[in-house]
């Protein structure tokens, strides 16, 4: 992609300003988002006993979130494109914050299932909406590192949320509420506050950014427009193509295998570590360790992927590491080897995500991007339902997590093989074949 003389400094300045203004807020929002989605894993340390939930009941309830989430993903992303990210992201955050707080009212299996399903509907479109939003602001050449910094919010959410959740569970009995009820309310409120702030902080597109100079707005807008035009020539811009082409569906299948590991460990790691008869606060601090290393690895690996302009091996290698480590976890025995195995598995799994998300954003544009990104995310998050449920069934059937860890290892290994078989879209900097 050739740039006009004098455009490069203005473009670099615009990207830097956009990153400073938008990324910290989006990272904070995604941190709260992921906490509200998986804090049920911490709550389960006492909630399951209080409400007499079996592993399969808990696994189904943890996963049912994704039914509503999947059904409303594509409509939500199309609405974001029509009404603008500023209003739509604010709407999503406020509604999910209200439902997240309502999780404190769960009293039976059915209320657990219904509230989790409603939380999925409320959150639908947030993550793919942000991925789509980032394509409005950041060119392909910097996108992996930007997505890596944004997605590092997930492991950092657990670094912060692990000890916090453990501490909140210790509030059991205060004002007559149980610790897990305090956890849901206190971790749900920030989403409502951030949703209101989104109306002030977010700007829909560079053309509307009064905080950029006119030269910066022009340089960034034209760079994004050129990339969009190029993507139309090598990828898919219309709805039908984005929802039916084999390459898009293949990305959805690959993401499905990756997400099996993501939520397999997200929902069950507290109970794996809790099996060593540790207190809630100790479990929270130990869980922070794998996610801290994962956050660092995500950023460094994303930058390396951009530097090399290579995606397939940057997805496959960490997935192979995760597969081997999950298999090791199944037989690691004492606490320290288990923690080492879980750390390597978490690091490998998360490092693959930023390079992965550069593929659909390089393949899709326009309405096709809104629908296609949501489709890939929806297909992947079907594993958010299937993964925890299968893990729960295997745990209940065998009495340990060994079979469940081998199941997650197999999914990661298969994902690595799929990544190597994928044909990457041609970069706008490459000459046509």
Protein backbone atom coordinates (compact mmCIF):
# COMPACT_ATOMS: atom_id res chain seq x y z
CA UNK A 1 0.00 0.00 0.00
CA UNK A 2 1.68 3.19 -1.19
CA UNK A 3 1.13 6.38 0.75
CA UNK A 4 1.24 9.92 -0.45
CA UNK A 5 4.19 12.09 0.57
CA UNK A 6 3.54 13.71 3.92
CA UNK A 7 0.76 11.29 4.81
CA UNK A 8 2.88 8.88 6.89
CA UNK A 9 3.62 11.26 9.82
CA UNK A 10 -0.04 12.32 10.05
CA UNK A 11 -1.18 8.70 9.86
CA UNK A 12 1.27 7.57 12.53
CA UNK A 13 0.18 10.43 14.76
CA UNK A 14 -3.50 9.61 14.23
CA UNK A 15 -2.95 5.91 15.07
CA UNK A 16 -1.02 6.86 18.20
CA UNK A 17 -3.74 9.26 19.38
CA UNK A 18 -6.48 6.73 18.63
CA UNK A 19 -4.65 4.05 20.58
CA UNK A 20 -4.16 6.36 23.57
CA UNK A 21 -7.80 7.48 23.62
CA UNK A 22 -9.65 4.28 22.74
CA UNK A 23 -7.60 1.24 23.77
CA UNK A 24 -7.35 1.83 27.56
CA UNK A 25 -11.12 2.31 27.78
CA UNK A 26 -11.86 -0.72 25.60
CA UNK A 27 -9.41 -2.82 27.61
CA UNK A 28 -11.11 -1.81 30.85
CA UNK A 29 -14.53 -2.56 29.37
CA UNK A 30 -13.41 -5.97 28.13
CA UNK A 31 -11.84 -6.74 31.52
CA UNK A 32 -15.19 -6.11 33.19
CA UNK A 33 -16.96 -8.02 30.42
CA UNK A 34 -14.89 -11.15 30.86
CA UNK A 35 -15.11 -10.99 34.64
CA UNK A 36 -18.90 -10.84 34.52
CA UNK A 37 -18.96 -13.76 32.08
CA UNK A 38 -16.70 -16.17 33.98
CA UNK A 39 -17.00 -15.04 37.60
CA UNK A 40 -19.53 -17.83 37.95
CA UNK A 41 -16.44 -20.08 38.08
CA UNK A 42 -15.37 -18.41 41.32
CA UNK A 43 -18.91 -18.17 42.66
CA UNK A 44 -19.26 -21.93 42.15
CA UNK A 45 -16.72 -22.54 44.93
CA UNK A 46 -19.54 -21.84 47.41
CA UNK A 47 -22.68 -21.34 45.29
CA UNK A 48 -22.76 -24.94 44.09
CA UNK A 49 -22.78 -26.21 47.65
CA UNK A 50 -25.33 -23.63 48.86
CA UNK A 51 -27.75 -24.38 46.01
CA UNK A 52 -26.82 -28.08 45.68
CA UNK A 53 -25.76 -27.88 42.05
CA UNK A 54 -24.10 -31.00 40.61
CA UNK A 55 -21.11 -30.63 38.21
CA UNK A 56 -23.38 -31.28 35.22
CA UNK A 57 -25.96 -28.70 36.40
CA UNK A 58 -23.23 -26.13 36.90
CA UNK A 59 -21.59 -26.99 33.57
CA UNK A 60 -24.91 -26.62 31.72
CA UNK A 61 -25.69 -23.33 33.45
CA UNK A 62 -22.20 -21.96 32.76
CA UNK A 63 -22.55 -22.89 29.11
CA UNK A 64 -26.19 -21.89 28.51
CA UNK A 65 -24.96 -18.30 28.49
CA UNK A 66 -23.77 -18.92 24.95
CA UNK A 67 -27.14 -19.93 23.50
CA UNK A 68 -28.56 -16.41 23.68
CA UNK A 69 -25.14 -14.96 23.00
CA UNK A 70 -24.80 -16.88 19.73
CA UNK A 71 -28.35 -16.22 18.53
CA UNK A 72 -28.01 -12.44 18.92
CA UNK A 73 -24.40 -11.98 17.76
CA UNK A 74 -25.00 -11.23 14.10
CA UNK A 75 -28.06 -8.96 14.62
CA UNK A 76 -26.13 -7.06 17.29
CA UNK A 77 -23.12 -6.46 15.04
CA UNK A 78 -25.33 -5.30 12.18
CA UNK A 79 -27.05 -2.92 14.60
CA UNK A 80 -23.64 -1.58 15.69
CA UNK A 81 -22.76 -0.85 12.09
CA UNK A 82 -26.08 0.93 11.55
CA UNK A 83 -26.43 2.92 14.79
CA UNK A 84 -22.73 3.46 15.54
CA UNK A 85 -20.36 1.87 18.04
CA UNK A 86 -20.74 4.67 20.59
CA UNK A 87 -24.45 4.13 21.26
CA UNK A 88 -24.53 0.39 20.69
CA UNK A 89 -21.56 -0.53 22.88
CA UNK A 90 -22.99 1.66 25.65
CA UNK A 91 -26.33 -0.16 25.32
CA UNK A 92 -24.67 -3.56 25.55
CA UNK A 93 -22.65 -2.67 28.64
CA UNK A 94 -25.52 -1.15 30.59
CA UNK A 95 -27.85 -4.08 29.90
CA UNK A 96 -25.30 -6.77 30.73
CA UNK A 97 -24.34 -4.94 33.94
CA UNK A 98 -27.94 -5.02 35.12
CA UNK A 99 -28.29 -8.75 34.41
CA UNK A 100 -24.87 -9.51 35.94
CA UNK A 101 -26.03 -7.95 39.21
CA UNK A 102 -29.26 -9.96 39.00
CA UNK A 103 -27.18 -13.17 39.15
CA UNK A 104 -27.17 -12.58 42.91
CA UNK A 105 -30.88 -13.52 42.92
CA UNK A 106 -30.28 -17.07 41.65
CA UNK A 107 -31.98 -19.59 43.97
CA UNK A 108 -32.67 -22.70 41.87
CA UNK A 109 -31.46 -24.60 38.82
CA UNK A 110 -34.04 -22.92 36.58
CA UNK A 111 -33.28 -19.40 37.80
CA UNK A 112 -29.59 -20.15 37.24
CA UNK A 113 -30.23 -21.27 33.66
CA UNK A 114 -32.56 -18.34 32.85
CA UNK A 115 -30.28 -15.65 34.29
CA UNK A 116 -27.21 -17.03 32.53
CA UNK A 117 -29.15 -17.15 29.23
CA UNK A 118 -30.28 -13.53 29.70
CA UNK A 119 -26.69 -12.50 30.43
CA UNK A 120 -25.66 -14.04 27.11
CA UNK A 121 -28.37 -12.11 25.25
CA UNK A 122 -27.35 -8.86 26.94
CA UNK A 123 -23.63 -9.32 26.14
CA UNK A 124 -24.19 -10.50 22.56
CA UNK A 125 -22.18 -8.50 20.06
CA UNK A 126 -19.74 -6.87 22.48
CA UNK A 127 -16.53 -8.69 21.53
CA UNK A 128 -17.16 -8.96 17.75
CA UNK A 129 -18.43 -5.40 17.86
CA UNK A 130 -15.12 -4.22 19.31
CA UNK A 131 -13.16 -6.27 16.76
CA UNK A 132 -15.23 -4.61 14.01
CA UNK A 133 -14.77 -1.20 15.66
CA UNK A 134 -10.98 -1.63 15.68
CA UNK A 135 -11.03 -2.10 11.89
CA UNK A 136 -12.53 1.40 11.63
CA UNK A 137 -9.48 2.86 13.39
CA UNK A 138 -6.37 0.70 12.92
CA UNK A 139 -4.77 -0.45 9.62
CA UNK A 140 -3.83 -4.10 9.10
CA UNK A 141 -0.12 -3.52 9.64
CA UNK A 142 -0.65 -2.69 13.33
CA UNK A 143 -3.80 -4.69 13.97
CA UNK A 144 -2.32 -7.81 15.58
CA UNK A 145 -0.54 -5.79 18.27
CA UNK A 146 -3.64 -3.64 18.84
CA UNK A 147 -5.87 -6.73 19.13
CA UNK A 148 -3.24 -8.34 21.39
CA UNK A 149 -3.27 -5.39 23.78
CA UNK A 150 -7.07 -5.35 23.74
CA UNK A 151 -7.40 -9.11 24.27
CA UNK A 152 -4.75 -9.08 27.00
CA UNK A 153 -7.65 -7.71 29.05
CA UNK A 154 -8.93 -11.28 29.34
CA UNK A 155 -5.98 -12.78 31.21
CA UNK A 156 -5.50 -9.51 33.11
CA UNK A 157 -9.16 -9.72 34.14
CA UNK A 158 -8.33 -12.96 35.90
CA UNK A 159 -5.08 -11.59 37.35
CA UNK A 160 -7.18 -8.87 38.99
CA UNK A 161 -10.40 -10.81 39.32
CA UNK A 162 -8.93 -13.94 40.87
CA UNK A 163 -7.80 -12.34 44.13
CA UNK A 164 -10.77 -9.93 44.05
CA UNK A 165 -13.28 -12.74 43.61
CA UNK A 166 -11.62 -14.73 46.36
CA UNK A 167 -11.85 -11.71 48.68
CA UNK A 168 -15.51 -11.10 47.81
CA UNK A 169 -16.37 -14.69 48.66
CA UNK A 170 -14.95 -13.97 52.11
CA UNK A 171 -17.75 -11.37 52.58
CA UNK A 172 -20.14 -14.23 53.35
CA UNK A 173 -22.77 -13.19 55.87
CA UNK A 174 -22.32 -9.41 55.60
CA UNK A 175 -25.78 -7.76 55.62
CA UNK A 176 -27.27 -11.23 55.37
CA UNK A 177 -25.90 -11.93 51.89
CA UNK A 178 -23.71 -14.82 50.85
CA UNK A 179 -20.21 -14.22 49.48
CA UNK A 180 -21.13 -15.31 45.95
CA UNK A 181 -24.04 -12.83 45.93
CA UNK A 182 -21.68 -9.98 46.84
CA UNK A 183 -19.37 -11.15 44.04
CA UNK A 184 -22.07 -10.87 41.37
CA UNK A 185 -23.32 -7.44 42.49
CA UNK A 186 -19.94 -5.75 43.03
CA UNK A 187 -18.49 -7.07 39.77
CA UNK A 188 -21.65 -6.22 37.80
CA UNK A 189 -21.92 -2.54 38.75
CA UNK A 190 -18.79 -1.34 36.85
CA UNK A 191 -20.34 -2.42 33.53
CA UNK A 192 -23.23 -0.01 34.05
CA UNK A 193 -20.86 2.85 34.93
CA UNK A 194 -18.58 2.16 31.95
CA UNK A 195 -21.58 1.93 29.65
CA UNK A 196 -22.53 5.49 30.55
CA UNK A 197 -18.92 6.64 30.10
CA UNK A 198 -18.79 5.04 26.63
CA UNK A 199 -21.18 7.73 25.38
CA UNK A 200 -18.51 10.31 26.20
CA UNK A 201 -15.29 8.46 25.36
CA UNK A 202 -16.03 6.59 22.12
CA UNK A 203 -16.12 8.12 18.64
CA UNK A 204 -17.71 6.15 15.83
CA UNK A 205 -15.15 6.74 13.06
CA UNK A 206 -12.04 8.85 12.37
CA UNK A 207 -14.07 11.33 10.31
CA UNK A 208 -15.96 12.32 13.48
CA UNK A 209 -12.92 12.60 15.76
CA UNK A 210 -12.65 16.24 16.86
CA UNK A 211 -9.64 15.19 18.97
CA UNK A 212 -7.62 14.58 15.76
CA UNK A 213 -6.29 17.36 13.54
CA UNK A 214 -7.81 17.69 10.07
CA UNK A 215 -4.62 16.22 8.54
CA UNK A 216 -4.77 13.25 10.91
CA UNK A 217 -8.45 12.63 10.23
CA UNK A 218 -7.85 12.69 6.49
CA UNK A 219 -4.77 10.45 6.60
CA UNK A 220 -6.40 7.82 8.81
CA UNK A 221 -9.75 7.88 7.00
CA UNK A 222 -8.08 7.48 3.61
CA UNK A 223 -5.83 4.66 4.85
CA UNK A 224 -8.81 2.74 6.22
CA UNK A 225 -10.80 3.40 3.02
CA UNK A 226 -7.95 2.05 0.85
CA UNK A 227 -7.72 -1.09 2.95
CA UNK A 228 -11.47 -1.59 2.75
CA UNK A 229 -11.35 -1.28 -1.04
CA UNK A 230 -8.47 -3.76 -1.22
CA UNK A 231 -10.31 -6.22 1.03
CA UNK A 232 -13.29 -6.08 -1.33
CA UNK A 233 -11.01 -7.30 -4.12
CA UNK A 234 -9.54 -10.25 -2.20
CA UNK A 235 -12.25 -11.00 0.36
CA UNK A 236 -15.97 -10.63 0.98
CA UNK A 237 -18.01 -7.45 1.47
CA UNK A 238 -21.62 -8.66 1.10
CA UNK A 239 -23.70 -10.49 3.70
CA UNK A 240 -24.31 -13.67 1.74
CA UNK A 241 -20.66 -14.28 0.91
CA UNK A 242 -19.55 -13.51 4.46
CA UNK A 243 -22.02 -16.02 5.93
CA UNK A 244 -21.55 -18.87 3.45
CA UNK A 245 -17.99 -18.94 2.06
CA UNK A 246 -15.88 -21.95 3.16
CA UNK A 247 -12.93 -19.80 4.28
CA UNK A 248 -15.10 -17.87 6.71
CA UNK A 249 -16.73 -21.06 8.00
CA UNK A 250 -13.29 -22.65 8.39
CA UNK A 251 -12.23 -19.74 10.59
CA UNK A 252 -15.35 -20.30 12.68
CA UNK A 253 -14.44 -23.98 13.13
CA UNK A 254 -10.89 -23.08 14.12
CA UNK A 255 -12.16 -20.55 16.63
CA UNK A 256 -14.53 -23.19 18.04
CA UNK A 257 -11.55 -25.40 18.88
CA UNK A 258 -9.69 -22.49 20.47
CA UNK A 259 -12.64 -21.43 22.61
CA UNK A 260 -13.04 -24.95 24.01
CA UNK A 261 -9.78 -24.32 25.83
CA UNK A 262 -10.58 -20.70 26.70
CA UNK A 263 -13.74 -21.45 28.65
CA UNK A 264 -12.68 -24.92 29.67
CA UNK A 265 -10.03 -23.36 31.86
CA UNK A 266 -12.00 -20.17 32.57
CA UNK A 267 -14.95 -21.96 34.14
CA UNK A 268 -13.14 -24.91 35.72
CA UNK A 269 -9.63 -23.80 36.73
CA UNK A 270 -10.84 -22.49 40.13
CA UNK A 271 -12.20 -25.94 40.93
CA UNK A 272 -9.09 -27.72 39.61
CA UNK A 273 -6.90 -25.68 41.96
CA UNK A 274 -9.53 -25.74 44.70
CA UNK A 275 -9.22 -29.53 44.64
CA UNK A 276 -5.94 -29.11 46.55
CA UNK A 277 -8.03 -28.00 49.56
CA UNK A 278 -7.03 -24.37 49.44
CA UNK A 279 -9.07 -21.40 50.67
CA UNK A 280 -10.93 -19.12 48.28
CA UNK A 281 -8.40 -16.29 48.58
CA UNK A 282 -5.45 -18.63 47.97
CA UNK A 283 -7.18 -20.06 44.90
CA UNK A 284 -7.74 -16.54 43.60
CA UNK A 285 -4.07 -15.59 43.92
CA UNK A 286 -2.85 -18.85 42.36
CA UNK A 287 -5.19 -18.44 39.39
CA UNK A 288 -3.65 -15.02 38.72
CA UNK A 289 -0.27 -16.60 37.92
CA UNK A 290 -1.11 -18.35 34.60
CA UNK A 291 -3.06 -15.34 33.36
CA UNK A 292 -0.29 -12.87 34.15
CA UNK A 293 2.14 -14.82 31.96
CA UNK A 294 -0.57 -15.18 29.30
CA UNK A 295 -1.12 -11.40 29.15
CA UNK A 296 2.58 -10.76 28.60
CA UNK A 297 2.81 -13.50 25.97
CA UNK A 298 -0.20 -12.16 24.06
CA UNK A 299 1.33 -8.71 23.57
CA UNK A 300 4.81 -9.95 22.66
CA UNK A 301 3.52 -12.66 20.30
CA UNK A 302 1.11 -10.22 18.62
CA UNK A 303 3.94 -7.76 17.98
CA UNK A 304 6.10 -10.57 16.61
CA UNK A 305 3.28 -11.63 14.26
CA UNK A 306 2.98 -8.06 12.92
CA UNK A 307 6.76 -7.79 12.55
CA UNK A 308 6.90 -11.01 10.54
CA UNK A 309 3.61 -10.35 8.71
CA UNK A 310 2.83 -14.03 9.36
CA UNK A 311 -0.27 -15.50 10.99
CA UNK A 312 -0.65 -19.27 10.50
CA UNK A 313 2.42 -20.41 12.45
CA UNK A 314 1.77 -17.71 15.04
CA UNK A 315 -1.58 -19.40 15.67
CA UNK A 316 -0.48 -23.02 15.36
CA UNK A 317 2.67 -23.04 17.51
CA UNK A 318 1.06 -21.68 20.68
CA UNK A 319 -1.90 -24.02 20.19
CA UNK A 320 0.48 -27.00 20.03
CA UNK A 321 2.12 -25.76 23.24
CA UNK A 322 -1.31 -25.49 24.86
CA UNK A 323 -2.24 -29.01 23.73
CA UNK A 324 0.91 -30.55 25.19
CA UNK A 325 0.48 -28.61 28.43
CA UNK A 326 -3.19 -29.55 28.88
CA UNK A 327 -2.19 -33.19 28.40
CA UNK A 328 0.52 -32.72 31.01
CA UNK A 329 -2.05 -31.18 33.38
CA UNK A 330 -4.03 -34.43 33.25
CA UNK A 331 -1.11 -36.28 34.86
CA UNK A 332 0.79 -33.55 36.72
CA UNK A 333 -0.18 -34.68 40.22
CA UNK A 334 0.97 -32.26 42.99
CA UNK A 335 0.13 -28.56 43.08
CA UNK A 336 3.41 -27.10 41.73
CA UNK A 337 3.61 -29.27 38.55
CA UNK A 338 -0.10 -28.64 38.02
CA UNK A 339 0.44 -24.88 38.22
CA UNK A 340 3.37 -25.04 35.77
CA UNK A 341 1.28 -27.07 33.31
CA UNK A 342 -1.74 -24.76 33.65
CA UNK A 343 0.49 -21.71 33.16
CA UNK A 344 2.00 -23.05 29.93
CA UNK A 345 -1.42 -24.16 28.68
CA UNK A 346 -2.98 -20.77 29.39
CA UNK A 347 -0.02 -18.90 27.88
CA UNK A 348 -0.12 -20.96 24.69
CA UNK A 349 -3.85 -20.72 24.27
CA UNK A 350 -4.09 -16.96 24.71
CA UNK A 351 -1.05 -16.17 22.53
CA UNK A 352 -2.91 -17.59 19.52
CA UNK A 353 -5.88 -15.22 19.72
CA UNK A 354 -4.42 -11.93 18.43
CA UNK A 355 -2.88 -13.45 15.26
CA UNK A 356 -6.12 -15.35 14.71
CA UNK A 357 -8.31 -12.22 14.67
CA UNK A 358 -6.19 -10.59 11.97
CA UNK A 359 -7.45 -13.27 9.54
CA UNK A 360 -11.20 -12.53 9.48
CA UNK A 361 -10.59 -8.77 9.58
CA UNK A 362 -8.30 -9.09 6.52
CA UNK A 363 -10.89 -11.20 4.71
CA UNK A 364 -14.07 -9.20 5.41
CA UNK A 365 -15.22 -5.61 4.95
CA UNK A 366 -18.41 -3.54 4.92
CA UNK A 367 -21.61 -5.36 5.89
CA UNK A 368 -19.71 -8.59 5.30
CA UNK A 369 -17.33 -7.68 8.13
CA UNK A 370 -20.16 -6.95 10.55
CA UNK A 371 -21.87 -10.27 9.81
CA UNK A 372 -18.80 -12.41 9.13
CA UNK A 373 -16.88 -11.41 12.27
CA UNK A 374 -20.01 -12.05 14.32
CA UNK A 375 -20.48 -15.43 12.60
CA UNK A 376 -16.90 -16.51 13.35
CA UNK A 377 -17.30 -15.41 16.96
CA UNK A 378 -20.68 -17.15 17.22
CA UNK A 379 -19.33 -20.42 15.87
CA UNK A 380 -16.41 -20.20 18.26
CA UNK A 381 -18.55 -19.39 21.24
CA UNK A 382 -20.73 -22.42 20.60
CA UNK A 383 -17.77 -24.09 22.29
CA UNK A 384 -18.45 -21.86 25.28
CA UNK A 385 -21.57 -23.95 25.77
CA UNK A 386 -20.24 -27.32 24.62
CA UNK A 387 -16.83 -27.10 26.31
CA UNK A 388 -17.88 -26.47 29.93
CA UNK A 389 -20.76 -28.94 29.60
CA UNK A 390 -18.50 -31.73 28.31
CA UNK A 391 -15.93 -30.96 31.01
CA UNK A 392 -18.69 -31.19 33.64
CA UNK A 393 -19.92 -34.53 32.29
CA UNK A 394 -16.37 -35.97 32.16
CA UNK A 395 -15.66 -34.73 35.70
CA UNK A 396 -18.87 -36.26 37.02
CA UNK A 397 -18.31 -39.55 35.19
CA UNK A 398 -14.65 -40.03 36.16
CA UNK A 399 -14.38 -38.18 39.46
CA UNK A 400 -11.33 -36.18 38.27
CA UNK A 401 -10.35 -33.58 35.70
CA UNK A 402 -7.86 -35.79 33.84
CA UNK A 403 -10.21 -36.83 31.03
CA UNK A 404 -11.46 -33.26 30.71
CA UNK A 405 -7.92 -31.90 30.30
CA UNK A 406 -7.19 -34.50 27.60
CA UNK A 407 -10.38 -33.42 25.80
CA UNK A 408 -9.21 -29.78 25.81
CA UNK A 409 -5.71 -30.86 24.70
CA UNK A 410 -7.13 -32.69 21.69
CA UNK A 411 -9.16 -29.63 20.68
CA UNK A 412 -6.08 -27.37 20.86
CA UNK A 413 -3.97 -29.80 18.81
CA UNK A 414 -6.64 -30.08 16.13
CA UNK A 415 -6.88 -26.28 16.07
CA UNK A 416 -3.15 -26.02 15.45
CA UNK A 417 -3.42 -28.38 12.48
CA UNK A 418 -6.35 -26.39 11.08
CA UNK A 419 -4.38 -23.14 11.38
CA UNK A 420 -1.55 -24.55 9.30
CA UNK A 421 -3.96 -25.63 6.56
CA UNK A 422 -5.59 -22.19 6.23
CA UNK A 423 -4.69 -20.03 3.22
CA UNK A 424 -4.13 -16.44 4.38
CA UNK A 425 -5.68 -13.50 2.50
CA UNK A 426 -3.16 -11.65 0.34
CA UNK A 427 -1.88 -8.50 2.02
CA UNK A 428 -2.50 -5.11 0.43
CA UNK A 429 1.29 -4.72 0.34
CA UNK A 430 1.72 -7.80 -1.84
CA UNK A 431 1.61 -7.74 -5.60
CA UNK A 432 -1.27 -9.62 -7.23
CA UNK A 433 -0.45 -13.16 -8.19
